[in-house]
Amino acid sequence: SIDAALRASGGLCYAIDQLLEARTLRAFCAVRPPGHHSEPATAMGFCLLNHVAIGARHALANPGIKRVAIVDFDVHHGNGTQAVFEESPEILFVSSHQLPLYPGTGQSDETGCGNILNLPLAPGDGSRQFRETWNKSGLLAIHEFEPDLILISAGFDAHQRDPLAQIELQDADYHWITRQICDLADDSCQGRVASILEGGYDLQALATSSRAHVQALNS
């Protein structure tokens, strides 16, 4: 497992290098195990290494990258990513997730040093509330932050078919949020978006949601 996790983190770092060297515009890393629950000194929630946090630190080592936005739409809160960066103003972390649900973090009053925006959703909120929440605050926060790079923690376990939660999203919602993120990237950071797979526990929903996500990244 640790070998797979190391390759997953390394895969995202490689993808980021391709973006920064202008070899590609977008990237999607289809990896396992996921990473966003892993805290600085604690593995948890199937996550051994926090890939998106490692990728963000890797990107910031490049002199041309001063600000990185991390967007997390996994149905579970990315507590590990928040824990890594809650005192890091060069990182914006925006997360939509179901509450109450594992790991129990991600309340809207958890704001770090002003760089954390949590967008909790209730069971059954569905497509309309998901899109309204992102339109009202999440996407605006990314726009105002003006990142040099956007990273996505792409969890597909908010899908209607997924057995672990009840947000009840559809494939089209993942296409929509991905296009919104890409449009922001076009405006602020030369279109650069790197995405890494997080949760998703119904294989059919995982396949169709991932396809919608990749189609949006490519469009």
N, C-alpha and C. Protein backbone atom coordinates (compact mmCIF):
# COMPACT_ATOMS: atom_id res chain seq x y z
N SER A 1 0.82 -1.21 0.00
CA SER A 1 0.00 0.00 0.00
C SER A 1 0.85 1.26 0.00
N ILE A 2 1.95 1.25 0.77
CA ILE A 2 2.76 2.47 0.81
C ILE A 2 3.42 2.71 -0.54
N ASP A 3 3.77 1.65 -1.25
CA ASP A 3 4.33 1.84 -2.60
C ASP A 3 3.30 2.49 -3.52
N ALA A 4 2.06 2.02 -3.44
CA ALA A 4 1.01 2.62 -4.26
C ALA A 4 0.78 4.08 -3.89
N ALA A 5 0.80 4.39 -2.59
CA ALA A 5 0.60 5.76 -2.14
C ALA A 5 1.74 6.67 -2.60
N LEU A 6 2.96 6.17 -2.52
CA LEU A 6 4.10 6.95 -2.99
C LEU A 6 3.99 7.25 -4.49
N ARG A 7 3.56 6.25 -5.25
CA ARG A 7 3.40 6.47 -6.69
C ARG A 7 2.26 7.45 -6.97
N ALA A 8 1.22 7.42 -6.15
CA ALA A 8 0.11 8.36 -6.33
C ALA A 8 0.56 9.79 -6.10
N SER A 9 1.29 10.02 -5.00
CA SER A 9 1.81 11.36 -4.74
C SER A 9 2.78 11.79 -5.84
N GLY A 10 3.65 10.86 -6.22
CA GLY A 10 4.61 11.16 -7.28
C GLY A 10 3.94 11.43 -8.61
N GLY A 11 2.84 10.73 -8.87
CA GLY A 11 2.10 10.97 -10.11
C GLY A 11 1.54 12.37 -10.18
N LEU A 12 1.01 12.86 -9.06
CA LEU A 12 0.49 14.23 -9.06
C LEU A 12 1.62 15.24 -9.22
N CYS A 13 2.74 15.01 -8.56
CA CYS A 13 3.89 15.92 -8.71
C CYS A 13 4.36 15.94 -10.16
N TYR A 14 4.38 14.77 -10.80
CA TYR A 14 4.77 14.70 -12.21
C TYR A 14 3.77 15.47 -13.07
N ALA A 15 2.48 15.30 -12.80
CA ALA A 15 1.46 16.01 -13.56
C ALA A 15 1.63 17.52 -13.41
N ILE A 16 1.90 17.97 -12.19
CA ILE A 16 2.10 19.40 -11.96
C ILE A 16 3.31 19.90 -12.75
N ASP A 17 4.37 19.12 -12.78
CA ASP A 17 5.54 19.51 -13.58
C ASP A 17 5.18 19.68 -15.05
N GLN A 18 4.34 18.78 -15.57
CA GLN A 18 3.93 18.89 -16.97
C GLN A 18 3.15 20.18 -17.21
N LEU A 19 2.31 20.56 -16.26
CA LEU A 19 1.57 21.81 -16.39
C LEU A 19 2.51 23.02 -16.36
N LEU A 20 3.43 23.01 -15.40
CA LEU A 20 4.31 24.16 -15.23
C LEU A 20 5.32 24.29 -16.37
N GLU A 21 5.60 23.19 -17.04
CA GLU A 21 6.49 23.23 -18.21
C GLU A 21 5.72 23.41 -19.51
N ALA A 22 4.41 23.68 -19.39
CA ALA A 22 3.52 23.93 -20.53
C ALA A 22 3.48 22.75 -21.50
N ARG A 23 3.63 21.55 -20.98
CA ARG A 23 3.52 20.35 -21.81
C ARG A 23 2.06 19.90 -21.92
N THR A 24 1.23 20.33 -21.00
CA THR A 24 -0.20 20.04 -21.05
C THR A 24 -0.92 21.13 -20.27
N LEU A 25 -2.23 21.19 -20.43
CA LEU A 25 -3.03 22.23 -19.78
C LEU A 25 -3.77 21.70 -18.56
N ARG A 26 -4.23 20.46 -18.64
CA ARG A 26 -4.96 19.83 -17.55
C ARG A 26 -4.40 18.43 -17.32
N ALA A 27 -4.65 17.89 -16.14
CA ALA A 27 -4.23 16.53 -15.83
C ALA A 27 -5.19 15.91 -14.84
N PHE A 28 -5.43 14.60 -14.99
CA PHE A 28 -6.22 13.84 -14.03
C PHE A 28 -5.42 12.61 -13.63
N CYS A 29 -5.19 12.44 -12.34
CA CYS A 29 -4.43 11.31 -11.81
C CYS A 29 -5.41 10.31 -11.20
N ALA A 30 -5.59 9.17 -11.87
CA ALA A 30 -6.49 8.12 -11.40
C ALA A 30 -5.70 7.18 -10.51
N VAL A 31 -5.74 7.42 -9.20
CA VAL A 31 -4.86 6.74 -8.26
C VAL A 31 -5.66 6.10 -7.13
N ARG A 32 -5.04 5.20 -6.45
CA ARG A 32 -5.48 4.64 -5.18
C ARG A 32 -4.23 4.32 -4.37
N PRO A 33 -4.25 4.45 -3.06
CA PRO A 33 -5.36 4.91 -2.23
C PRO A 33 -5.53 6.42 -2.32
N PRO A 34 -6.68 6.95 -1.85
CA PRO A 34 -6.88 8.39 -1.83
C PRO A 34 -5.99 9.05 -0.77
N GLY A 35 -6.16 10.36 -0.56
CA GLY A 35 -5.21 11.03 0.32
C GLY A 35 -5.72 12.11 1.25
N HIS A 36 -6.92 12.68 0.99
CA HIS A 36 -7.23 13.96 1.65
C HIS A 36 -7.56 13.86 3.13
N HIS A 37 -7.72 12.67 3.68
CA HIS A 37 -7.91 12.54 5.13
C HIS A 37 -6.59 12.45 5.90
N SER A 38 -5.51 12.20 5.22
CA SER A 38 -4.22 12.01 5.89
C SER A 38 -3.72 13.33 6.46
N GLU A 39 -3.53 13.37 7.78
CA GLU A 39 -3.02 14.56 8.47
C GLU A 39 -1.49 14.50 8.56
N PRO A 40 -0.84 15.56 8.98
CA PRO A 40 0.63 15.58 8.96
C PRO A 40 1.30 14.39 9.64
N ALA A 41 0.72 13.89 10.73
CA ALA A 41 1.35 12.78 11.45
C ALA A 41 0.42 11.58 11.61
N THR A 42 -0.72 11.57 10.88
CA THR A 42 -1.71 10.53 11.09
C THR A 42 -2.33 10.08 9.77
N ALA A 43 -2.23 8.79 9.49
CA ALA A 43 -2.97 8.20 8.37
C ALA A 43 -4.37 7.85 8.84
N MET A 44 -5.37 8.13 8.02
CA MET A 44 -6.75 7.82 8.41
C MET A 44 -7.65 7.80 7.19
N GLY A 45 -8.82 7.21 7.33
CA GLY A 45 -9.83 7.24 6.28
C GLY A 45 -9.36 6.69 4.95
N PHE A 46 -8.67 5.55 4.97
CA PHE A 46 -8.11 4.91 3.77
C PHE A 46 -6.92 5.66 3.20
N CYS A 47 -6.50 6.76 3.82
CA CYS A 47 -5.49 7.65 3.25
C CYS A 47 -4.17 7.51 4.02
N LEU A 48 -3.10 7.22 3.30
CA LEU A 48 -1.77 7.08 3.89
C LEU A 48 -0.93 8.33 3.72
N LEU A 49 -0.97 8.91 2.54
CA LEU A 49 -0.26 10.15 2.23
C LEU A 49 -1.26 11.14 1.65
N ASN A 50 -1.09 12.42 2.00
CA ASN A 50 -2.00 13.43 1.47
C ASN A 50 -1.45 13.94 0.14
N HIS A 51 -1.90 13.30 -0.94
CA HIS A 51 -1.34 13.58 -2.26
C HIS A 51 -1.50 15.04 -2.66
N VAL A 52 -2.69 15.60 -2.44
CA VAL A 52 -2.92 16.96 -2.91
C VAL A 52 -2.09 17.97 -2.11
N ALA A 53 -1.85 17.69 -0.83
CA ALA A 53 -1.00 18.56 -0.03
C ALA A 53 0.45 18.46 -0.49
N ILE A 54 0.91 17.25 -0.77
CA ILE A 54 2.26 17.07 -1.28
C ILE A 54 2.41 17.78 -2.63
N GLY A 55 1.39 17.64 -3.48
CA GLY A 55 1.43 18.31 -4.78
C GLY A 55 1.47 19.82 -4.65
N ALA A 56 0.70 20.37 -3.72
CA ALA A 56 0.69 21.81 -3.52
C ALA A 56 2.06 22.31 -3.05
N ARG A 57 2.66 21.60 -2.11
CA ARG A 57 4.00 21.99 -1.65
C ARG A 57 5.01 21.88 -2.79
N HIS A 58 4.88 20.85 -3.60
CA HIS A 58 5.77 20.68 -4.75
C HIS A 58 5.62 21.86 -5.71
N ALA A 59 4.39 22.27 -5.96
CA ALA A 59 4.16 23.39 -6.87
C ALA A 59 4.74 24.68 -6.32
N LEU A 60 4.58 24.91 -5.02
CA LEU A 60 5.05 26.15 -4.41
C LEU A 60 6.57 26.23 -4.38
N ALA A 61 7.25 25.12 -4.58
CA ALA A 61 8.71 25.15 -4.69
C ALA A 61 9.17 25.77 -6.00
N ASN A 62 8.23 25.89 -6.95
CA ASN A 62 8.52 26.57 -8.22
C ASN A 62 8.42 28.08 -8.03
N PRO A 63 9.44 28.85 -8.42
CA PRO A 63 9.41 30.30 -8.17
C PRO A 63 8.22 31.01 -8.81
N GLY A 64 7.64 30.43 -9.85
CA GLY A 64 6.53 31.08 -10.53
C GLY A 64 5.18 30.83 -9.88
N ILE A 65 5.14 30.01 -8.86
CA ILE A 65 3.88 29.68 -8.19
C ILE A 65 3.88 30.27 -6.78
N LYS A 66 3.02 31.25 -6.57
CA LYS A 66 2.92 31.91 -5.27
C LYS A 66 1.65 31.54 -4.51
N ARG A 67 0.60 31.17 -5.25
CA ARG A 67 -0.69 30.85 -4.62
C ARG A 67 -1.29 29.63 -5.30
N VAL A 68 -1.76 28.69 -4.50
CA VAL A 68 -2.40 27.48 -5.02
C VAL A 68 -3.78 27.36 -4.38
N ALA A 69 -4.79 27.14 -5.21
CA ALA A 69 -6.13 26.86 -4.72
C ALA A 69 -6.37 25.35 -4.79
N ILE A 70 -6.87 24.78 -3.71
CA ILE A 70 -7.25 23.37 -3.66
C ILE A 70 -8.77 23.29 -3.53
N VAL A 71 -9.39 22.63 -4.49
CA VAL A 71 -10.84 22.49 -4.52
C VAL A 71 -11.17 21.03 -4.23
N ASP A 72 -12.02 20.79 -3.26
CA ASP A 72 -12.34 19.43 -2.82
C ASP A 72 -13.85 19.25 -2.83
N PHE A 73 -14.35 18.40 -3.75
CA PHE A 73 -15.80 18.14 -3.76
C PHE A 73 -16.13 16.70 -3.39
N ASP A 74 -15.19 16.01 -2.76
CA ASP A 74 -15.48 14.71 -2.16
C ASP A 74 -16.60 14.88 -1.12
N VAL A 75 -17.41 13.85 -0.95
CA VAL A 75 -18.53 13.97 -0.01
C VAL A 75 -18.05 14.04 1.44
N HIS A 76 -16.83 13.59 1.72
CA HIS A 76 -16.25 13.68 3.06
C HIS A 76 -15.30 14.87 3.12
N HIS A 77 -15.30 15.55 4.24
CA HIS A 77 -14.43 16.71 4.41
C HIS A 77 -12.96 16.32 4.34
N GLY A 78 -12.17 17.10 3.64
CA GLY A 78 -10.73 16.86 3.55
C GLY A 78 -10.02 17.39 4.78
N ASN A 79 -10.25 16.75 5.90
CA ASN A 79 -9.69 17.21 7.17
C ASN A 79 -8.16 17.26 7.15
N GLY A 80 -7.54 16.30 6.46
CA GLY A 80 -6.09 16.29 6.41
C GLY A 80 -5.53 17.48 5.67
N THR A 81 -6.13 17.80 4.53
CA THR A 81 -5.68 18.95 3.76
C THR A 81 -5.86 20.23 4.56
N GLN A 82 -6.98 20.35 5.24
CA GLN A 82 -7.21 21.52 6.08
C GLN A 82 -6.17 21.61 7.19
N ALA A 83 -5.87 20.48 7.82
CA ALA A 83 -4.91 20.48 8.92
C ALA A 83 -3.51 20.89 8.44
N VAL A 84 -3.14 20.47 7.23
CA VAL A 84 -1.82 20.82 6.71
C VAL A 84 -1.72 22.32 6.45
N PHE A 85 -2.78 22.93 5.94
CA PHE A 85 -2.66 24.28 5.39
C PHE A 85 -3.42 25.36 6.15
N GLU A 86 -3.95 25.08 7.33
CA GLU A 86 -4.80 26.08 7.99
C GLU A 86 -4.04 27.31 8.45
N GLU A 87 -2.72 27.26 8.45
CA GLU A 87 -1.93 28.45 8.77
C GLU A 87 -1.06 28.87 7.57
N SER A 88 -1.53 28.57 6.37
CA SER A 88 -0.74 28.82 5.15
C SER A 88 -1.52 29.73 4.21
N PRO A 89 -1.32 31.05 4.28
CA PRO A 89 -2.11 31.97 3.45
C PRO A 89 -1.86 31.84 1.96
N GLU A 90 -0.78 31.15 1.57
CA GLU A 90 -0.51 30.95 0.15
C GLU A 90 -1.38 29.84 -0.45
N ILE A 91 -2.15 29.17 0.40
CA ILE A 91 -3.06 28.10 -0.03
C ILE A 91 -4.50 28.52 0.28
N LEU A 92 -5.38 28.39 -0.69
CA LEU A 92 -6.82 28.48 -0.45
C LEU A 92 -7.40 27.08 -0.53
N PHE A 93 -8.12 26.67 0.51
CA PHE A 93 -8.76 25.36 0.52
C PHE A 93 -10.27 25.56 0.58
N VAL A 94 -10.96 25.10 -0.47
CA VAL A 94 -12.42 25.20 -0.53
C VAL A 94 -12.99 23.80 -0.65
N SER A 95 -13.88 23.44 0.26
CA SER A 95 -14.40 22.08 0.32
C SER A 95 -15.92 22.07 0.49
N SER A 96 -16.61 21.34 -0.40
CA SER A 96 -18.01 21.02 -0.15
C SER A 96 -18.08 19.56 0.30
N HIS A 97 -18.96 19.26 1.24
CA HIS A 97 -19.00 17.92 1.83
C HIS A 97 -20.28 17.78 2.64
N GLN A 98 -20.64 16.55 2.93
CA GLN A 98 -21.84 16.29 3.71
C GLN A 98 -21.54 16.37 5.19
N LEU A 99 -22.44 17.03 5.93
CA LEU A 99 -22.40 17.04 7.39
C LEU A 99 -23.82 16.80 7.90
N PRO A 100 -23.98 15.94 8.91
CA PRO A 100 -22.94 15.17 9.61
C PRO A 100 -22.48 13.97 8.80
N LEU A 101 -21.21 13.69 8.88
CA LEU A 101 -20.60 12.55 8.20
C LEU A 101 -19.14 12.47 8.61
N TYR A 102 -18.55 11.30 8.46
CA TYR A 102 -17.12 11.13 8.71
C TYR A 102 -16.33 12.18 7.91
N PRO A 103 -15.29 12.78 8.47
CA PRO A 103 -14.68 12.57 9.78
C PRO A 103 -15.21 13.51 10.86
N GLY A 104 -16.29 14.23 10.59
CA GLY A 104 -16.91 15.09 11.59
C GLY A 104 -16.39 16.52 11.60
N THR A 105 -15.42 16.82 10.76
CA THR A 105 -14.89 18.18 10.66
C THR A 105 -15.51 18.88 9.45
N GLY A 106 -15.14 20.14 9.27
CA GLY A 106 -15.60 20.88 8.10
C GLY A 106 -16.77 21.80 8.34
N GLN A 107 -16.93 22.24 9.59
CA GLN A 107 -17.96 23.24 9.86
C GLN A 107 -17.58 24.57 9.20
N SER A 108 -18.57 25.38 8.93
CA SER A 108 -18.33 26.64 8.22
C SER A 108 -17.50 27.63 9.04
N ASP A 109 -17.44 27.45 10.38
CA ASP A 109 -16.65 28.36 11.20
C ASP A 109 -15.18 27.94 11.31
N GLU A 110 -14.80 26.87 10.63
CA GLU A 110 -13.39 26.47 10.56
C GLU A 110 -12.77 27.20 9.38
N THR A 111 -12.04 28.28 9.66
CA THR A 111 -11.59 29.17 8.59
C THR A 111 -10.08 29.31 8.50
N GLY A 112 -9.33 28.58 9.35
CA GLY A 112 -7.87 28.68 9.29
C GLY A 112 -7.41 30.10 9.54
N CYS A 113 -6.49 30.58 8.71
CA CYS A 113 -6.02 31.96 8.81
C CYS A 113 -6.76 32.83 7.79
N GLY A 114 -8.00 32.45 7.50
CA GLY A 114 -8.80 33.14 6.50
C GLY A 114 -8.70 32.49 5.14
N ASN A 115 -8.02 31.36 5.08
CA ASN A 115 -7.77 30.67 3.80
C ASN A 115 -8.56 29.38 3.64
N ILE A 116 -9.44 29.09 4.59
CA ILE A 116 -10.24 27.86 4.54
C ILE A 116 -11.71 28.25 4.36
N LEU A 117 -12.35 27.66 3.35
CA LEU A 117 -13.79 27.88 3.15
C LEU A 117 -14.48 26.53 3.07
N ASN A 118 -15.23 26.21 4.12
CA ASN A 118 -15.98 24.97 4.16
C ASN A 118 -17.43 25.23 3.79
N LEU A 119 -17.96 24.35 2.92
CA LEU A 119 -19.32 24.50 2.40
C LEU A 119 -20.11 23.23 2.73
N PRO A 120 -20.53 23.08 3.99
CA PRO A 120 -21.24 21.85 4.37
C PRO A 120 -22.60 21.75 3.70
N LEU A 121 -22.94 20.53 3.30
CA LEU A 121 -24.23 20.21 2.69
C LEU A 121 -24.93 19.17 3.55
N ALA A 122 -26.26 19.19 3.51
CA ALA A 122 -27.05 18.25 4.30
C ALA A 122 -27.42 17.04 3.46
N PRO A 123 -27.66 15.89 4.10
CA PRO A 123 -28.13 14.73 3.36
C PRO A 123 -29.36 15.07 2.51
N GLY A 124 -29.33 14.65 1.26
CA GLY A 124 -30.45 14.90 0.37
C GLY A 124 -30.45 16.24 -0.34
N ASP A 125 -29.44 17.06 -0.11
CA ASP A 125 -29.43 18.39 -0.74
C ASP A 125 -29.47 18.33 -2.26
N GLY A 126 -28.77 17.41 -2.86
CA GLY A 126 -28.87 17.19 -4.29
C GLY A 126 -28.21 18.24 -5.15
N SER A 127 -28.48 18.13 -6.45
CA SER A 127 -27.80 18.95 -7.46
C SER A 127 -28.03 20.44 -7.26
N ARG A 128 -29.25 20.82 -7.03
CA ARG A 128 -29.57 22.25 -6.97
C ARG A 128 -28.82 22.94 -5.84
N GLN A 129 -28.84 22.37 -4.65
CA GLN A 129 -28.16 23.00 -3.52
C GLN A 129 -26.65 22.96 -3.71
N PHE A 130 -26.12 21.88 -4.25
CA PHE A 130 -24.69 21.78 -4.55
C PHE A 130 -24.25 22.92 -5.46
N ARG A 131 -24.97 23.12 -6.54
CA ARG A 131 -24.58 24.16 -7.50
C ARG A 131 -24.78 25.56 -6.92
N GLU A 132 -25.88 25.75 -6.20
CA GLU A 132 -26.12 27.07 -5.60
C GLU A 132 -25.04 27.42 -4.59
N THR A 133 -24.61 26.45 -3.81
CA THR A 133 -23.59 26.69 -2.80
C THR A 133 -22.26 27.08 -3.45
N TRP A 134 -21.88 26.36 -4.47
CA TRP A 134 -20.63 26.71 -5.16
C TRP A 134 -20.74 28.05 -5.87
N ASN A 135 -21.87 28.32 -6.50
CA ASN A 135 -22.05 29.59 -7.21
C ASN A 135 -22.03 30.77 -6.24
N LYS A 136 -22.63 30.58 -5.08
CA LYS A 136 -22.79 31.69 -4.14
C LYS A 136 -21.49 32.08 -3.47
N SER A 137 -20.62 31.10 -3.16
CA SER A 137 -19.42 31.46 -2.38
C SER A 137 -18.15 30.76 -2.82
N GLY A 138 -18.20 29.47 -3.13
CA GLY A 138 -16.99 28.72 -3.43
C GLY A 138 -16.25 29.23 -4.65
N LEU A 139 -16.98 29.38 -5.76
CA LEU A 139 -16.34 29.82 -6.99
C LEU A 139 -15.87 31.27 -6.88
N LEU A 140 -16.63 32.08 -6.19
CA LEU A 140 -16.24 33.48 -5.99
C LEU A 140 -14.95 33.58 -5.20
N ALA A 141 -14.81 32.74 -4.18
CA ALA A 141 -13.59 32.76 -3.36
C ALA A 141 -12.37 32.40 -4.20
N ILE A 142 -12.51 31.42 -5.08
CA ILE A 142 -11.38 31.04 -5.94
C ILE A 142 -11.04 32.20 -6.88
N HIS A 143 -12.05 32.81 -7.45
CA HIS A 143 -11.83 33.95 -8.36
C HIS A 143 -11.08 35.08 -7.65
N GLU A 144 -11.49 35.40 -6.45
CA GLU A 144 -10.87 36.51 -5.71
C GLU A 144 -9.45 36.17 -5.25
N PHE A 145 -9.15 34.90 -5.05
CA PHE A 145 -7.83 34.47 -4.61
C PHE A 145 -6.79 34.59 -5.72
N GLU A 146 -7.23 34.49 -6.97
CA GLU A 146 -6.36 34.58 -8.15
C GLU A 146 -5.17 33.60 -8.05
N PRO A 147 -5.44 32.32 -8.02
CA PRO A 147 -4.36 31.33 -7.85
C PRO A 147 -3.49 31.24 -9.10
N ASP A 148 -2.27 30.77 -8.88
CA ASP A 148 -1.36 30.47 -9.99
C ASP A 148 -1.52 29.04 -10.48
N LEU A 149 -2.24 28.23 -9.71
CA LEU A 149 -2.49 26.82 -10.05
C LEU A 149 -3.70 26.37 -9.25
N ILE A 150 -4.54 25.53 -9.87
CA ILE A 150 -5.67 24.94 -9.16
C ILE A 150 -5.50 23.44 -9.11
N LEU A 151 -5.62 22.88 -7.92
CA LEU A 151 -5.61 21.44 -7.71
C LEU A 151 -6.99 20.99 -7.26
N ILE A 152 -7.43 19.84 -7.74
CA ILE A 152 -8.75 19.31 -7.39
C ILE A 152 -8.60 17.99 -6.66
N SER A 153 -9.19 17.90 -5.47
CA SER A 153 -9.42 16.62 -4.81
C SER A 153 -10.76 16.11 -5.31
N ALA A 154 -10.70 15.23 -6.31
CA ALA A 154 -11.90 14.82 -7.04
C ALA A 154 -12.46 13.52 -6.47
N GLY A 155 -13.32 13.67 -5.47
CA GLY A 155 -14.04 12.53 -4.93
C GLY A 155 -15.41 12.44 -5.57
N PHE A 156 -15.84 11.24 -5.93
CA PHE A 156 -17.12 11.06 -6.61
C PHE A 156 -18.12 10.30 -5.75
N ASP A 157 -17.93 10.35 -4.44
CA ASP A 157 -18.80 9.63 -3.52
C ASP A 157 -20.01 10.43 -3.06
N ALA A 158 -20.21 11.62 -3.62
CA ALA A 158 -21.47 12.34 -3.40
C ALA A 158 -22.52 11.93 -4.44
N HIS A 159 -22.16 10.99 -5.30
CA HIS A 159 -23.06 10.53 -6.35
C HIS A 159 -24.27 9.80 -5.75
N GLN A 160 -25.38 9.88 -6.45
CA GLN A 160 -26.62 9.26 -5.97
C GLN A 160 -26.48 7.76 -5.73
N ARG A 161 -25.63 7.08 -6.49
CA ARG A 161 -25.48 5.64 -6.36
C ARG A 161 -24.54 5.24 -5.23
N ASP A 162 -23.77 6.17 -4.71
CA ASP A 162 -22.73 5.80 -3.75
C ASP A 162 -23.34 5.36 -2.42
N PRO A 163 -22.82 4.29 -1.82
CA PRO A 163 -23.43 3.75 -0.61
C PRO A 163 -23.05 4.45 0.69
N LEU A 164 -22.05 5.35 0.67
CA LEU A 164 -21.52 5.89 1.92
C LEU A 164 -22.07 7.26 2.30
N ALA A 165 -22.90 7.86 1.44
CA ALA A 165 -23.40 9.20 1.76
C ALA A 165 -24.70 9.45 1.01
N GLN A 166 -25.28 10.64 1.20
CA GLN A 166 -26.63 10.90 0.70
C GLN A 166 -26.80 12.27 0.04
N ILE A 167 -25.77 12.82 -0.57
CA ILE A 167 -25.93 14.11 -1.24
C ILE A 167 -26.70 13.96 -2.55
N GLU A 168 -26.55 12.82 -3.23
CA GLU A 168 -27.35 12.45 -4.39
C GLU A 168 -27.05 13.30 -5.62
N LEU A 169 -25.78 13.48 -5.93
CA LEU A 169 -25.39 14.17 -7.15
C LEU A 169 -25.50 13.25 -8.36
N GLN A 170 -25.44 13.85 -9.54
CA GLN A 170 -25.47 13.14 -10.81
C GLN A 170 -24.15 13.38 -11.56
N ASP A 171 -23.92 12.56 -12.60
CA ASP A 171 -22.71 12.76 -13.41
C ASP A 171 -22.62 14.20 -13.91
N ALA A 172 -23.74 14.77 -14.30
CA ALA A 172 -23.75 16.12 -14.86
C ALA A 172 -23.25 17.16 -13.87
N ASP A 173 -23.44 16.91 -12.59
CA ASP A 173 -22.95 17.86 -11.58
C ASP A 173 -21.43 17.89 -11.55
N TYR A 174 -20.81 16.73 -11.74
CA TYR A 174 -19.35 16.70 -11.76
C TYR A 174 -18.81 17.36 -13.02
N HIS A 175 -19.49 17.20 -14.13
CA HIS A 175 -19.10 17.91 -15.35
C HIS A 175 -19.22 19.41 -15.12
N TRP A 176 -20.32 19.83 -14.51
CA TRP A 176 -20.56 21.25 -14.27
C TRP A 176 -19.50 21.87 -13.38
N ILE A 177 -19.24 21.29 -12.21
CA ILE A 177 -18.27 21.90 -11.29
C ILE A 177 -16.88 21.91 -11.90
N THR A 178 -16.54 20.87 -12.66
CA THR A 178 -15.23 20.84 -13.29
C THR A 178 -15.09 21.95 -14.31
N ARG A 179 -16.15 22.19 -15.10
CA ARG A 179 -16.08 23.28 -16.09
C ARG A 179 -15.98 24.64 -15.39
N GLN A 180 -16.67 24.81 -14.29
CA GLN A 180 -16.57 26.08 -13.57
C GLN A 180 -15.14 26.32 -13.09
N ILE A 181 -14.51 25.27 -12.58
CA ILE A 181 -13.14 25.38 -12.11
C ILE A 181 -12.20 25.69 -13.26
N CYS A 182 -12.39 25.02 -14.39
CA CYS A 182 -11.53 25.26 -15.55
C CYS A 182 -11.69 26.68 -16.08
N ASP A 183 -12.91 27.19 -16.07
CA ASP A 183 -13.13 28.57 -16.50
C ASP A 183 -12.38 29.55 -15.60
N LEU A 184 -12.40 29.31 -14.30
CA LEU A 184 -11.64 30.14 -13.37
C LEU A 184 -10.15 30.04 -13.65
N ALA A 185 -9.68 28.82 -13.94
CA ALA A 185 -8.26 28.63 -14.24
C ALA A 185 -7.87 29.37 -15.51
N ASP A 186 -8.74 29.39 -16.49
CA ASP A 186 -8.46 30.13 -17.73
C ASP A 186 -8.27 31.61 -17.44
N ASP A 187 -9.02 32.13 -16.48
CA ASP A 187 -8.95 33.55 -16.15
C ASP A 187 -7.74 33.90 -15.30
N SER A 188 -7.32 32.97 -14.41
CA SER A 188 -6.33 33.37 -13.40
C SER A 188 -4.98 32.69 -13.54
N CYS A 189 -4.91 31.49 -14.13
CA CYS A 189 -3.63 30.78 -14.06
C CYS A 189 -3.32 30.00 -15.34
N GLN A 190 -3.60 30.64 -16.46
CA GLN A 190 -3.26 30.07 -17.76
C GLN A 190 -3.90 28.70 -17.98
N GLY A 191 -5.02 28.47 -17.32
CA GLY A 191 -5.78 27.24 -17.52
C GLY A 191 -5.28 26.03 -16.77
N ARG A 192 -4.28 26.20 -15.90
CA ARG A 192 -3.60 25.05 -15.30
C ARG A 192 -4.43 24.43 -14.17
N VAL A 193 -4.84 23.17 -14.39
CA VAL A 193 -5.62 22.42 -13.40
C VAL A 193 -5.07 21.00 -13.34
N ALA A 194 -4.74 20.55 -12.15
CA ALA A 194 -4.36 19.15 -11.93
C ALA A 194 -5.34 18.55 -10.93
N SER A 195 -5.91 17.41 -11.28
CA SER A 195 -6.92 16.75 -10.47
C SER A 195 -6.42 15.38 -10.04
N ILE A 196 -6.79 14.98 -8.83
CA ILE A 196 -6.41 13.65 -8.34
C ILE A 196 -7.62 12.98 -7.71
N LEU A 197 -7.78 11.71 -7.97
CA LEU A 197 -8.94 10.96 -7.50
C LEU A 197 -8.90 10.79 -5.98
N GLU A 198 -10.05 11.04 -5.37
CA GLU A 198 -10.22 10.77 -3.94
C GLU A 198 -11.22 9.62 -3.79
N GLY A 199 -12.39 9.87 -3.18
CA GLY A 199 -13.33 8.80 -2.89
C GLY A 199 -14.23 8.43 -4.06
N GLY A 200 -14.96 7.34 -3.88
CA GLY A 200 -15.89 6.83 -4.88
C GLY A 200 -16.02 5.34 -4.69
N TYR A 201 -17.19 4.87 -4.22
CA TYR A 201 -17.29 3.50 -3.73
C TYR A 201 -18.39 2.69 -4.41
N ASP A 202 -19.02 3.25 -5.43
CA ASP A 202 -19.86 2.49 -6.34
C ASP A 202 -19.14 2.49 -7.68
N LEU A 203 -18.77 1.32 -8.18
CA LEU A 203 -17.88 1.27 -9.35
C LEU A 203 -18.52 1.87 -10.59
N GLN A 204 -19.82 1.67 -10.78
CA GLN A 204 -20.47 2.26 -11.94
C GLN A 204 -20.47 3.78 -11.84
N ALA A 205 -20.85 4.31 -10.68
CA ALA A 205 -20.87 5.77 -10.49
C ALA A 205 -19.46 6.34 -10.58
N LEU A 206 -18.49 5.63 -10.05
CA LEU A 206 -17.11 6.09 -10.13
C LEU A 206 -16.67 6.21 -11.59
N ALA A 207 -17.02 5.22 -12.40
CA ALA A 207 -16.63 5.23 -13.81
C ALA A 207 -17.30 6.37 -14.57
N THR A 208 -18.61 6.51 -14.42
CA THR A 208 -19.32 7.52 -15.20
C THR A 208 -19.01 8.94 -14.71
N SER A 209 -18.84 9.11 -13.41
CA SER A 209 -18.48 10.43 -12.88
C SER A 209 -17.08 10.83 -13.30
N SER A 210 -16.15 9.88 -13.26
CA SER A 210 -14.78 10.17 -13.69
C SER A 210 -14.75 10.55 -15.17
N ARG A 211 -15.55 9.85 -15.96
CA ARG A 211 -15.62 10.18 -17.39
C ARG A 211 -16.16 11.60 -17.59
N ALA A 212 -17.22 11.96 -16.87
CA ALA A 212 -17.75 13.31 -16.99
C ALA A 212 -16.73 14.36 -16.58
N HIS A 213 -15.98 14.06 -15.53
CA HIS A 213 -14.93 14.96 -15.03
C HIS A 213 -13.83 15.16 -16.07
N VAL A 214 -13.37 14.07 -16.65
CA VAL A 214 -12.29 14.14 -17.64
C VAL A 214 -12.77 14.83 -18.91
N GLN A 215 -14.01 14.56 -19.32
CA GLN A 215 -14.56 15.24 -20.49
C GLN A 215 -14.59 16.76 -20.26
N ALA A 216 -14.95 17.17 -19.05
CA ALA A 216 -14.97 18.60 -18.75
C ALA A 216 -13.57 19.19 -18.72
N LEU A 217 -12.62 18.43 -18.20
CA LEU A 217 -11.23 18.91 -18.21
C LEU A 217 -10.73 19.09 -19.64
N ASN A 218 -11.19 18.26 -20.55
CA ASN A 218 -10.73 18.29 -21.94
C ASN A 218 -11.50 19.26 -22.82
N SER A 219 -12.63 19.75 -22.35
CA SER A 219 -13.47 20.57 -23.23
C SER A 219 -13.05 22.03 -23.22
